[in-house]
PDB file of all heavy atoms in Angstrom:
ATOM      1  N   LEU A   1      57.195  74.908 115.363  1.00  0.00           N
ATOM      2  CA  LEU A   1      57.035  74.994 116.809  1.00  0.00           C
ATOM      3  C   LEU A   1      58.215  75.652 117.515  1.00  0.00           C
ATOM      4  O   LEU A   1      58.261  75.672 118.750  1.00  0.00           O
ATOM      5  CB  LEU A   1      56.809  73.591 117.393  1.00  0.00           C
ATOM      6  CG  LEU A   1      55.559  72.874 116.889  1.00  0.00           C
ATOM      7  CD1 LEU A   1      55.494  71.470 117.460  1.00  0.00           C
ATOM      8  CD2 LEU A   1      54.315  73.660 117.230  1.00  0.00           C
ATOM      9  N   ASP A   2      59.127  76.189 116.744  1.00  0.00           N
ATOM     10  CA  ASP A   2      60.331  76.788 117.325  1.00  0.00           C
ATOM     11  C   ASP A   2      60.008  77.921 118.301  1.00  0.00           C
ATOM     12  O   ASP A   2      60.633  78.039 119.350  1.00  0.00           O
ATOM     13  CB  ASP A   2      61.246  77.303 116.206  1.00  0.00           C
ATOM     14  CG  ASP A   2      62.549  77.835 116.727  1.00  0.00           C
ATOM     15  OD1 ASP A   2      63.137  77.180 117.614  1.00  0.00           O
ATOM     16  OD2 ASP A   2      62.979  78.915 116.272  1.00  0.00           O
ATOM     17  N   GLN A   3      59.018  78.740 117.985  1.00  0.00           N
ATOM     18  CA  GLN A   3      58.669  79.896 118.817  1.00  0.00           C
ATOM     19  C   GLN A   3      57.592  79.600 119.859  1.00  0.00           C
ATOM     20  O   GLN A   3      57.228  80.473 120.635  1.00  0.00           O
ATOM     21  CB  GLN A   3      58.206  81.062 117.927  1.00  0.00           C
ATOM     22  CG  GLN A   3      59.246  81.532 116.931  1.00  0.00           C
ATOM     23  CD  GLN A   3      60.501  82.037 117.618  1.00  0.00           C
ATOM     24  OE1 GLN A   3      60.426  82.767 118.599  1.00  0.00           O
ATOM     25  NE2 GLN A   3      61.658  81.641 117.116  1.00  0.00           N
ATOM     26  N   VAL A   4      57.087  78.364 119.876  1.00  0.00           N
ATOM     27  CA  VAL A   4      56.050  77.993 120.837  1.00  0.00           C
ATOM     28  C   VAL A   4      56.726  77.544 122.137  1.00  0.00           C
ATOM     29  O   VAL A   4      57.594  76.674 122.117  1.00  0.00           O
ATOM     30  CB  VAL A   4      55.169  76.851 120.282  1.00  0.00           C
ATOM     31  CG1 VAL A   4      54.113  76.432 121.298  1.00  0.00           C
ATOM     32  CG2 VAL A   4      54.521  77.269 118.976  1.00  0.00           C
ATOM     33  N   PRO A   5      56.343  78.127 123.270  1.00  0.00           N
ATOM     34  CA  PRO A   5      56.954  77.726 124.541  1.00  0.00           C
ATOM     35  C   PRO A   5      56.670  76.257 124.872  1.00  0.00           C
ATOM     36  O   PRO A   5      55.592  75.736 124.586  1.00  0.00           O
ATOM     37  CB  PRO A   5      56.300  78.635 125.574  1.00  0.00           C
ATOM     38  CG  PRO A   5      55.634  79.715 124.811  1.00  0.00           C
ATOM     39  CD  PRO A   5      55.369  79.196 123.438  1.00  0.00           C
ATOM     40  N   GLN A   6      57.645  75.612 125.484  1.00  0.00           N
ATOM     41  CA  GLN A   6      57.522  74.212 125.878  1.00  0.00           C
ATOM     42  C   GLN A   6      56.316  74.012 126.795  1.00  0.00           C
ATOM     43  O   GLN A   6      55.582  73.043 126.662  1.00  0.00           O
ATOM     44  CB  GLN A   6      58.807  73.775 126.594  1.00  0.00           C
ATOM     45  CG  GLN A   6      58.794  72.382 127.123  1.00  0.00           C
ATOM     46  CD  GLN A   6      59.182  71.349 126.102  1.00  0.00           C
ATOM     47  OE1 GLN A   6      59.656  71.690 125.032  1.00  0.00           O
ATOM     48  NE2 GLN A   6      58.981  70.101 126.435  1.00  0.00           N
ATOM     49  N   SER A   7      56.083  74.953 127.711  1.00  0.00           N
ATOM     50  CA  SER A   7      54.965  74.822 128.649  1.00  0.00           C
ATOM     51  C   SER A   7      53.619  74.821 127.922  1.00  0.00           C
ATOM     52  O   SER A   7      52.690  74.131 128.331  1.00  0.00           O
ATOM     53  CB  SER A   7      55.005  75.935 129.689  1.00  0.00           C
ATOM     54  OG  SER A   7      54.900  77.193 129.067  1.00  0.00           O
ATOM     55  N   GLN A   8      53.519  75.573 126.843  1.00  0.00           N
ATOM     56  CA  GLN A   8      52.264  75.611 126.087  1.00  0.00           C
ATOM     57  C   GLN A   8      52.027  74.265 125.389  1.00  0.00           C
ATOM     58  O   GLN A   8      50.892  73.781 125.339  1.00  0.00           O
ATOM     59  CB  GLN A   8      52.298  76.747 125.071  1.00  0.00           C
ATOM     60  CG  GLN A   8      50.983  76.985 124.389  1.00  0.00           C
ATOM     61  CD  GLN A   8      51.000  78.238 123.523  1.00  0.00           C
ATOM     62  OE1 GLN A   8      51.988  78.962 123.483  1.00  0.00           O
ATOM     63  NE2 GLN A   8      49.912  78.472 122.834  1.00  0.00           N
ATOM     64  N   LEU A   9      53.091  73.659 124.876  1.00  0.00           N
ATOM     65  CA  LEU A   9      52.950  72.345 124.241  1.00  0.00           C
ATOM     66  C   LEU A   9      52.585  71.275 125.274  1.00  0.00           C
ATOM     67  O   LEU A   9      51.795  70.374 124.989  1.00  0.00           O
ATOM     68  CB  LEU A   9      54.244  71.962 123.525  1.00  0.00           C
ATOM     69  CG  LEU A   9      54.563  72.775 122.266  1.00  0.00           C
ATOM     70  CD1 LEU A   9      55.933  72.403 121.737  1.00  0.00           C
ATOM     71  CD2 LEU A   9      53.498  72.567 121.203  1.00  0.00           C
ATOM     72  N   GLU A  10      53.157  71.382 126.472  1.00  0.00           N
ATOM     73  CA  GLU A  10      52.819  70.438 127.534  1.00  0.00           C
ATOM     74  C   GLU A  10      51.345  70.562 127.905  1.00  0.00           C
ATOM     75  O   GLU A  10      50.651  69.560 128.100  1.00  0.00           O
ATOM     76  CB  GLU A  10      53.689  70.683 128.761  1.00  0.00           C
ATOM     77  CG  GLU A  10      55.134  70.299 128.565  1.00  0.00           C
ATOM     78  CD  GLU A  10      56.007  70.678 129.741  1.00  0.00           C
ATOM     79  OE1 GLU A  10      55.474  70.890 130.856  1.00  0.00           O
ATOM     80  OE2 GLU A  10      57.228  70.758 129.547  1.00  0.00           O
ATOM     81  N   LYS A  11      50.867  71.789 128.013  1.00  0.00           N
ATOM     82  CA  LYS A  11      49.465  72.025 128.355  1.00  0.00           C
ATOM     83  C   LYS A  11      48.546  71.458 127.268  1.00  0.00           C
ATOM     84  O   LYS A  11      47.554  70.797 127.573  1.00  0.00           O
ATOM     85  CB  LYS A  11      49.237  73.526 128.514  1.00  0.00           C
ATOM     86  CG  LYS A  11      47.906  73.899 129.098  1.00  0.00           C
ATOM     87  CD  LYS A  11      47.853  75.392 129.366  1.00  0.00           C
ATOM     88  CE  LYS A  11      46.600  75.800 130.082  1.00  0.00           C
ATOM     89  NZ  LYS A  11      46.573  77.228 130.392  1.00  0.00           N
ATOM     90  N   LEU A  12      48.905  71.678 126.017  1.00  0.00           N
ATOM     91  CA  LEU A  12      48.124  71.137 124.907  1.00  0.00           C
ATOM     92  C   LEU A  12      48.098  69.613 124.963  1.00  0.00           C
ATOM     93  O   LEU A  12      47.049  68.989 124.765  1.00  0.00           O
ATOM     94  CB  LEU A  12      48.714  71.606 123.572  1.00  0.00           C
ATOM     95  CG  LEU A  12      48.068  71.050 122.312  1.00  0.00           C
ATOM     96  CD1 LEU A  12      46.621  71.502 122.215  1.00  0.00           C
ATOM     97  CD2 LEU A  12      48.852  71.480 121.085  1.00  0.00           C
ATOM     98  N   HIS A  13      49.223  69.017 125.262  1.00  0.00           N
ATOM     99  CA  HIS A  13      49.291  67.558 125.339  1.00  0.00           C
ATOM    100  C   HIS A  13      48.401  67.018 126.464  1.00  0.00           C
ATOM    101  O   HIS A  13      47.706  66.013 126.290  1.00  0.00           O
ATOM    102  CB  HIS A  13      50.741  67.112 125.544  1.00  0.00           C
ATOM    103  CG  HIS A  13      50.910  65.640 125.462  1.00  0.00           C
ATOM    104  ND1 HIS A  13      50.777  64.833 126.556  1.00  0.00           N
ATOM    105  CD2 HIS A  13      51.160  64.828 124.412  1.00  0.00           C
ATOM    106  CE1 HIS A  13      50.966  63.581 126.194  1.00  0.00           C
ATOM    107  NE2 HIS A  13      51.197  63.542 124.904  1.00  0.00           N
ATOM    108  N   VAL A  14      48.398  67.681 127.603  1.00  0.00           N
ATOM    109  CA  VAL A  14      47.552  67.251 128.721  1.00  0.00           C
ATOM    110  C   VAL A  14      46.082  67.350 128.335  1.00  0.00           C
ATOM    111  O   VAL A  14      45.297  66.435 128.602  1.00  0.00           O
ATOM    112  CB  VAL A  14      47.842  68.094 129.978  1.00  0.00           C
ATOM    113  CG1 VAL A  14      46.792  67.858 131.051  1.00  0.00           C
ATOM    114  CG2 VAL A  14      49.219  67.792 130.514  1.00  0.00           C
ATOM    115  N   ILE A  15      45.707  68.442 127.690  1.00  0.00           N
ATOM    116  CA  ILE A  15      44.305  68.628 127.289  1.00  0.00           C
ATOM    117  C   ILE A  15      43.888  67.561 126.285  1.00  0.00           C
ATOM    118  O   ILE A  15      42.813  66.964 126.399  1.00  0.00           O
ATOM    119  CB  ILE A  15      44.094  70.051 126.729  1.00  0.00           C
ATOM    120  CG1 ILE A  15      44.238  71.079 127.862  1.00  0.00           C
ATOM    121  CG2 ILE A  15      42.742  70.179 126.047  1.00  0.00           C
ATOM    122  CD1 ILE A  15      44.282  72.516 127.402  1.00  0.00           C
ATOM    123  N   LEU A  16      44.750  67.280 125.320  1.00  0.00           N
ATOM    124  CA  LEU A  16      44.427  66.253 124.324  1.00  0.00           C
ATOM    125  C   LEU A  16      44.360  64.865 124.961  1.00  0.00           C
ATOM    126  O   LEU A  16      43.467  64.072 124.650  1.00  0.00           O
ATOM    127  CB  LEU A  16      45.472  66.261 123.198  1.00  0.00           C
ATOM    128  CG  LEU A  16      45.425  67.466 122.274  1.00  0.00           C
ATOM    129  CD1 LEU A  16      46.610  67.449 121.317  1.00  0.00           C
ATOM    130  CD2 LEU A  16      44.118  67.502 121.504  1.00  0.00           C
ATOM    131  N   ARG A  17      45.290  64.561 125.850  1.00  0.00           N
ATOM    132  CA  ARG A  17      45.291  63.264 126.525  1.00  0.00           C
ATOM    133  C   ARG A  17      44.017  63.098 127.356  1.00  0.00           C
ATOM    134  O   ARG A  17      43.362  62.054 127.313  1.00  0.00           O
ATOM    135  CB  ARG A  17      46.521  63.134 127.411  1.00  0.00           C
ATOM    136  CG  ARG A  17      46.619  61.764 128.081  1.00  0.00           C
ATOM    137  CD  ARG A  17      47.599  61.740 129.195  1.00  0.00           C
ATOM    138  NE  ARG A  17      47.151  62.667 130.236  1.00  0.00           N
ATOM    139  CZ  ARG A  17      47.913  63.115 131.208  1.00  0.00           C
ATOM    140  NH1 ARG A  17      49.168  62.744 131.286  1.00  0.00           N
ATOM    141  NH2 ARG A  17      47.451  63.944 132.112  1.00  0.00           N
ATOM    142  N   ASP A  18      43.647  64.144 128.097  1.00  0.00           N
ATOM    143  CA  ASP A  18      42.432  64.085 128.905  1.00  0.00           C
ATOM    144  C   ASP A  18      41.197  63.918 128.029  1.00  0.00           C
ATOM    145  O   ASP A  18      40.274  63.174 128.380  1.00  0.00           O
ATOM    146  CB  ASP A  18      42.299  65.345 129.768  1.00  0.00           C
ATOM    147  CG  ASP A  18      43.265  65.357 130.935  1.00  0.00           C
ATOM    148  OD1 ASP A  18      43.960  64.336 131.163  1.00  0.00           O
ATOM    149  OD2 ASP A  18      43.327  66.391 131.629  1.00  0.00           O
ATOM    150  N   HIS A  19      41.173  64.607 126.896  1.00  0.00           N
ATOM    151  CA  HIS A  19      40.039  64.490 125.972  1.00  0.00           C
ATOM    152  C   HIS A  19      39.892  63.049 125.477  1.00  0.00           C
ATOM    153  O   HIS A  19      38.779  62.513 125.410  1.00  0.00           O
ATOM    154  CB  HIS A  19      40.213  65.442 124.794  1.00  0.00           C
ATOM    155  CG  HIS A  19      39.132  65.317 123.765  1.00  0.00           C
ATOM    156  ND1 HIS A  19      37.849  65.760 123.976  1.00  0.00           N
ATOM    157  CD2 HIS A  19      39.146  64.773 122.527  1.00  0.00           C
ATOM    158  CE1 HIS A  19      37.111  65.498 122.906  1.00  0.00           C
ATOM    159  NE2 HIS A  19      37.884  64.896 122.014  1.00  0.00           N
ATOM    160  N   MET A  20      41.025  62.423 125.160  1.00  0.00           N
ATOM    161  CA  MET A  20      40.994  61.045 124.685  1.00  0.00           C
ATOM    162  C   MET A  20      40.536  60.081 125.780  1.00  0.00           C
ATOM    163  O   MET A  20      40.020  59.002 125.488  1.00  0.00           O
ATOM    164  CB  MET A  20      42.365  60.642 124.153  1.00  0.00           C
ATOM    165  CG  MET A  20      42.724  61.349 122.864  1.00  0.00           C
ATOM    166  SD  MET A  20      44.380  60.968 122.292  1.00  0.00           S
ATOM    167  CE  MET A  20      44.235  59.235 121.965  1.00  0.00           C
ATOM    168  N   GLN A  21      40.686  60.476 127.034  1.00  0.00           N
ATOM    169  CA  GLN A  21      40.252  59.644 128.153  1.00  0.00           C
ATOM    170  C   GLN A  21      38.834  59.986 128.602  1.00  0.00           C
ATOM    171  O   GLN A  21      38.349  59.454 129.596  1.00  0.00           O
ATOM    172  CB  GLN A  21      41.227  59.783 129.324  1.00  0.00           C
ATOM    173  CG  GLN A  21      42.598  59.225 129.011  1.00  0.00           C
ATOM    174  CD  GLN A  21      43.594  59.450 130.141  1.00  0.00           C
ATOM    175  OE1 GLN A  21      43.318  60.171 131.097  1.00  0.00           O
ATOM    176  NE2 GLN A  21      44.751  58.836 130.013  1.00  0.00           N
ATOM    177  N   GLY A  22      38.174  60.918 127.878  1.00  0.00           N
ATOM    178  CA  GLY A  22      36.781  61.234 128.151  1.00  0.00           C
ATOM    179  C   GLY A  22      36.548  62.380 129.117  1.00  0.00           C
ATOM    180  O   GLY A  22      35.415  62.615 129.525  1.00  0.00           O
ATOM    181  N   TYR A  23      37.590  63.089 129.506  1.00  0.00           N
ATOM    182  CA  TYR A  23      37.422  64.221 130.424  1.00  0.00           C
ATOM    183  C   TYR A  23      37.017  65.474 129.664  1.00  0.00           C
ATOM    184  O   TYR A  23      37.318  65.634 128.487  1.00  0.00           O
ATOM    185  CB  TYR A  23      38.726  64.501 131.183  1.00  0.00           C
ATOM    186  CG  TYR A  23      39.116  63.409 132.132  1.00  0.00           C
ATOM    187  CD1 TYR A  23      40.229  62.623 131.881  1.00  0.00           C
ATOM    188  CD2 TYR A  23      38.376  63.159 133.283  1.00  0.00           C
ATOM    189  CE1 TYR A  23      40.603  61.610 132.752  1.00  0.00           C
ATOM    190  CE2 TYR A  23      38.740  62.153 134.159  1.00  0.00           C
ATOM    191  CZ  TYR A  23      39.856  61.382 133.883  1.00  0.00           C
ATOM    192  OH  TYR A  23      40.216  60.391 134.740  1.00  0.00           O
ATOM    193  N   THR A  24      36.345  66.380 130.356  1.00  0.00           N
ATOM    194  CA  THR A  24      35.921  67.634 129.740  1.00  0.00           C
ATOM    195  C   THR A  24      37.078  68.629 129.729  1.00  0.00           C
ATOM    196  O   THR A  24      38.074  68.456 130.433  1.00  0.00           O
ATOM    197  CB  THR A  24      34.760  68.261 130.533  1.00  0.00           C
ATOM    198  OG1 THR A  24      35.242  68.599 131.847  1.00  0.00           O
ATOM    199  CG2 THR A  24      33.574  67.322 130.628  1.00  0.00           C
ATOM    200  N   MET A  25      36.894  69.678 128.961  1.00  0.00           N
ATOM    201  CA  MET A  25      37.896  70.750 128.895  1.00  0.00           C
ATOM    202  C   MET A  25      38.026  71.427 130.259  1.00  0.00           C
ATOM    203  O   MET A  25      39.136  71.764 130.681  1.00  0.00           O
ATOM    204  CB  MET A  25      37.495  71.782 127.834  1.00  0.00           C
ATOM    205  CG  MET A  25      38.413  72.972 127.746  1.00  0.00           C
ATOM    206  SD  MET A  25      39.996  72.599 127.021  1.00  0.00           S
ATOM    207  CE  MET A  25      39.572  72.702 125.321  1.00  0.00           C
ATOM    208  N   GLU A  26      36.901  71.601 130.957  1.00  0.00           N
ATOM    209  CA  GLU A  26      36.931  72.226 132.278  1.00  0.00           C
ATOM    210  C   GLU A  26      37.775  71.406 133.254  1.00  0.00           C
ATOM    211  O   GLU A  26      38.531  71.955 134.046  1.00  0.00           O
ATOM    212  CB  GLU A  26      35.506  72.401 132.833  1.00  0.00           C
ATOM    213  CG  GLU A  26      34.682  73.443 132.112  1.00  0.00           C
ATOM    214  CD  GLU A  26      34.142  72.944 130.770  1.00  0.00           C
ATOM    215  OE1 GLU A  26      34.016  71.712 130.566  1.00  0.00           O
ATOM    216  OE2 GLU A  26      33.853  73.792 129.911  1.00  0.00           O
ATOM    217  N   HIS A  27      37.638  70.087 133.181  1.00  0.00           N
ATOM    218  CA  HIS A  27      38.439  69.209 134.041  1.00  0.00           C
ATOM    219  C   HIS A  27      39.928  69.382 133.749  1.00  0.00           C
ATOM    220  O   HIS A  27      40.742  69.481 134.666  1.00  0.00           O
ATOM    221  CB  HIS A  27      38.021  67.750 133.826  1.00  0.00           C
ATOM    222  CG  HIS A  27      38.878  66.780 134.577  1.00  0.00           C
ATOM    223  ND1 HIS A  27      40.027  66.244 134.039  1.00  0.00           N
ATOM    224  CD2 HIS A  27      38.767  66.274 135.827  1.00  0.00           C
ATOM    225  CE1 HIS A  27      40.582  65.438 134.928  1.00  0.00           C
ATOM    226  NE2 HIS A  27      39.841  65.436 136.014  1.00  0.00           N
ATOM    227  N   SER A  28      40.282  69.419 132.477  1.00  0.00           N
ATOM    228  CA  SER A  28      41.685  69.567 132.095  1.00  0.00           C
ATOM    229  C   SER A  28      42.244  70.907 132.549  1.00  0.00           C
ATOM    230  O   SER A  28      43.350  70.974 133.080  1.00  0.00           O
ATOM    231  CB  SER A  28      41.840  69.443 130.577  1.00  0.00           C
ATOM    232  OG  SER A  28      41.432  68.169 130.150  1.00  0.00           O
ATOM    233  N   LEU A  29      41.487  71.971 132.336  1.00  0.00           N
ATOM    234  CA  LEU A  29      41.970  73.296 132.717  1.00  0.00           C
ATOM    235  C   LEU A  29      42.050  73.453 134.231  1.00  0.00           C
ATOM    236  O   LEU A  29      42.917  74.163 134.731  1.00  0.00           O
ATOM    237  CB  LEU A  29      41.073  74.378 132.107  1.00  0.00           C
ATOM    238  CG  LEU A  29      41.113  74.468 130.580  1.00  0.00           C
ATOM    239  CD1 LEU A  29      40.123  75.512 130.086  1.00  0.00           C
ATOM    240  CD2 LEU A  29      42.511  74.761 130.077  1.00  0.00           C
ATOM    241  N   ALA A  30      41.169  72.773 134.959  1.00  0.00           N
ATOM    242  CA  ALA A  30      41.215  72.846 136.422  1.00  0.00           C
ATOM    243  C   ALA A  30      42.510  72.249 136.958  1.00  0.00           C
ATOM    244  O   ALA A  30      43.007  72.666 138.006  1.00  0.00           O
ATOM    245  CB  ALA A  30      40.015  72.130 137.019  1.00  0.00           C
ATOM    246  N   SER A  31      43.082  71.296 136.239  1.00  0.00           N
ATOM    247  CA  SER A  31      44.325  70.684 136.708  1.00  0.00           C
ATOM    248  C   SER A  31      45.502  71.650 136.615  1.00  0.00           C
ATOM    249  O   SER A  31      46.557  71.393 137.188  1.00  0.00           O
ATOM    250  CB  SER A  31      44.630  69.413 135.911  1.00  0.00           C
ATOM    251  OG  SER A  31      45.019  69.720 134.591  1.00  0.00           O
ATOM    252  N   PHE A  32      45.339  72.761 135.911  1.00  0.00           N
ATOM    253  CA  PHE A  32      46.418  73.750 135.783  1.00  0.00           C
ATOM    254  C   PHE A  32      46.307  74.864 136.818  1.00  0.00           C
ATOM    255  O   PHE A  32      47.206  75.669 136.945  1.00  0.00           O
ATOM    256  CB  PHE A  32      46.417  74.373 134.378  1.00  0.00           C
ATOM    257  CG  PHE A  32      46.783  73.385 133.313  1.00  0.00           C
ATOM    258  CD1 PHE A  32      45.811  72.833 132.506  1.00  0.00           C
ATOM    259  CD2 PHE A  32      48.094  73.006 133.132  1.00  0.00           C
ATOM    260  CE1 PHE A  32      46.143  71.923 131.527  1.00  0.00           C
ATOM    261  CE2 PHE A  32      48.439  72.087 132.159  1.00  0.00           C
ATOM    262  CZ  PHE A  32      47.454  71.547 131.352  1.00  0.00           C
ATOM    263  N   ARG A  33      45.199  74.906 137.548  1.00  0.00           N
ATOM    264  CA  ARG A  33      45.022  75.941 138.568  1.00  0.00           C
ATOM    265  C   ARG A  33      45.659  75.494 139.873  1.00  0.00           C
ATOM    266  O   ARG A  33      45.606  74.327 140.236  1.00  0.00           O
ATOM    267  CB  ARG A  33      43.542  76.217 138.790  1.00  0.00           C
ATOM    268  CG  ARG A  33      42.891  76.871 137.592  1.00  0.00           C
ATOM    269  CD  ARG A  33      41.474  77.327 137.904  1.00  0.00           C
ATOM    270  NE  ARG A  33      40.759  77.492 136.657  1.00  0.00           N
ATOM    271  CZ  ARG A  33      39.906  76.604 136.153  1.00  0.00           C
ATOM    272  NH1 ARG A  33      39.615  75.513 136.818  1.00  0.00           N
ATOM    273  NH2 ARG A  33      39.312  76.820 135.007  1.00  0.00           N
ATOM    274  N   LEU A  34      46.242  76.447 140.577  1.00  0.00           N
ATOM    275  CA  LEU A  34      46.825  76.143 141.874  1.00  0.00           C
ATOM    276  C   LEU A  34      45.783  76.347 142.955  1.00  0.00           C
ATOM    277  O   LEU A  34      45.201  77.420 143.067  1.00  0.00           O
ATOM    278  CB  LEU A  34      48.035  77.046 142.141  1.00  0.00           C
ATOM    279  CG  LEU A  34      49.258  76.781 141.288  1.00  0.00           C
ATOM    280  CD1 LEU A  34      50.328  77.834 141.553  1.00  0.00           C
ATOM    281  CD2 LEU A  34      49.800  75.401 141.560  1.00  0.00           C
ATOM    282  N   ASP A  35      45.542  75.316 143.723  1.00  0.00           N
ATOM    283  CA  ASP A  35      44.600  75.366 144.829  1.00  0.00           C
ATOM    284  C   ASP A  35      45.401  75.250 146.118  1.00  0.00           C
ATOM    285  O   ASP A  35      46.028  74.211 146.369  1.00  0.00           O
ATOM    286  CB  ASP A  35      43.599  74.220 144.718  1.00  0.00           C
ATOM    287  CG  ASP A  35      42.598  74.189 145.857  1.00  0.00           C
ATOM    288  OD1 ASP A  35      42.575  75.146 146.662  1.00  0.00           O
ATOM    289  OD2 ASP A  35      41.830  73.213 145.929  1.00  0.00           O
TER     290      ASP A  35
END
């Protein structure tokens, strides 16, 4: 993981955490968009 950006790992962690809580991928990705 040396060459993987920290922000990408954080995003992956959020998606996995949301998945474990029953949220869809669309829900997780929407949390990364700026409204």
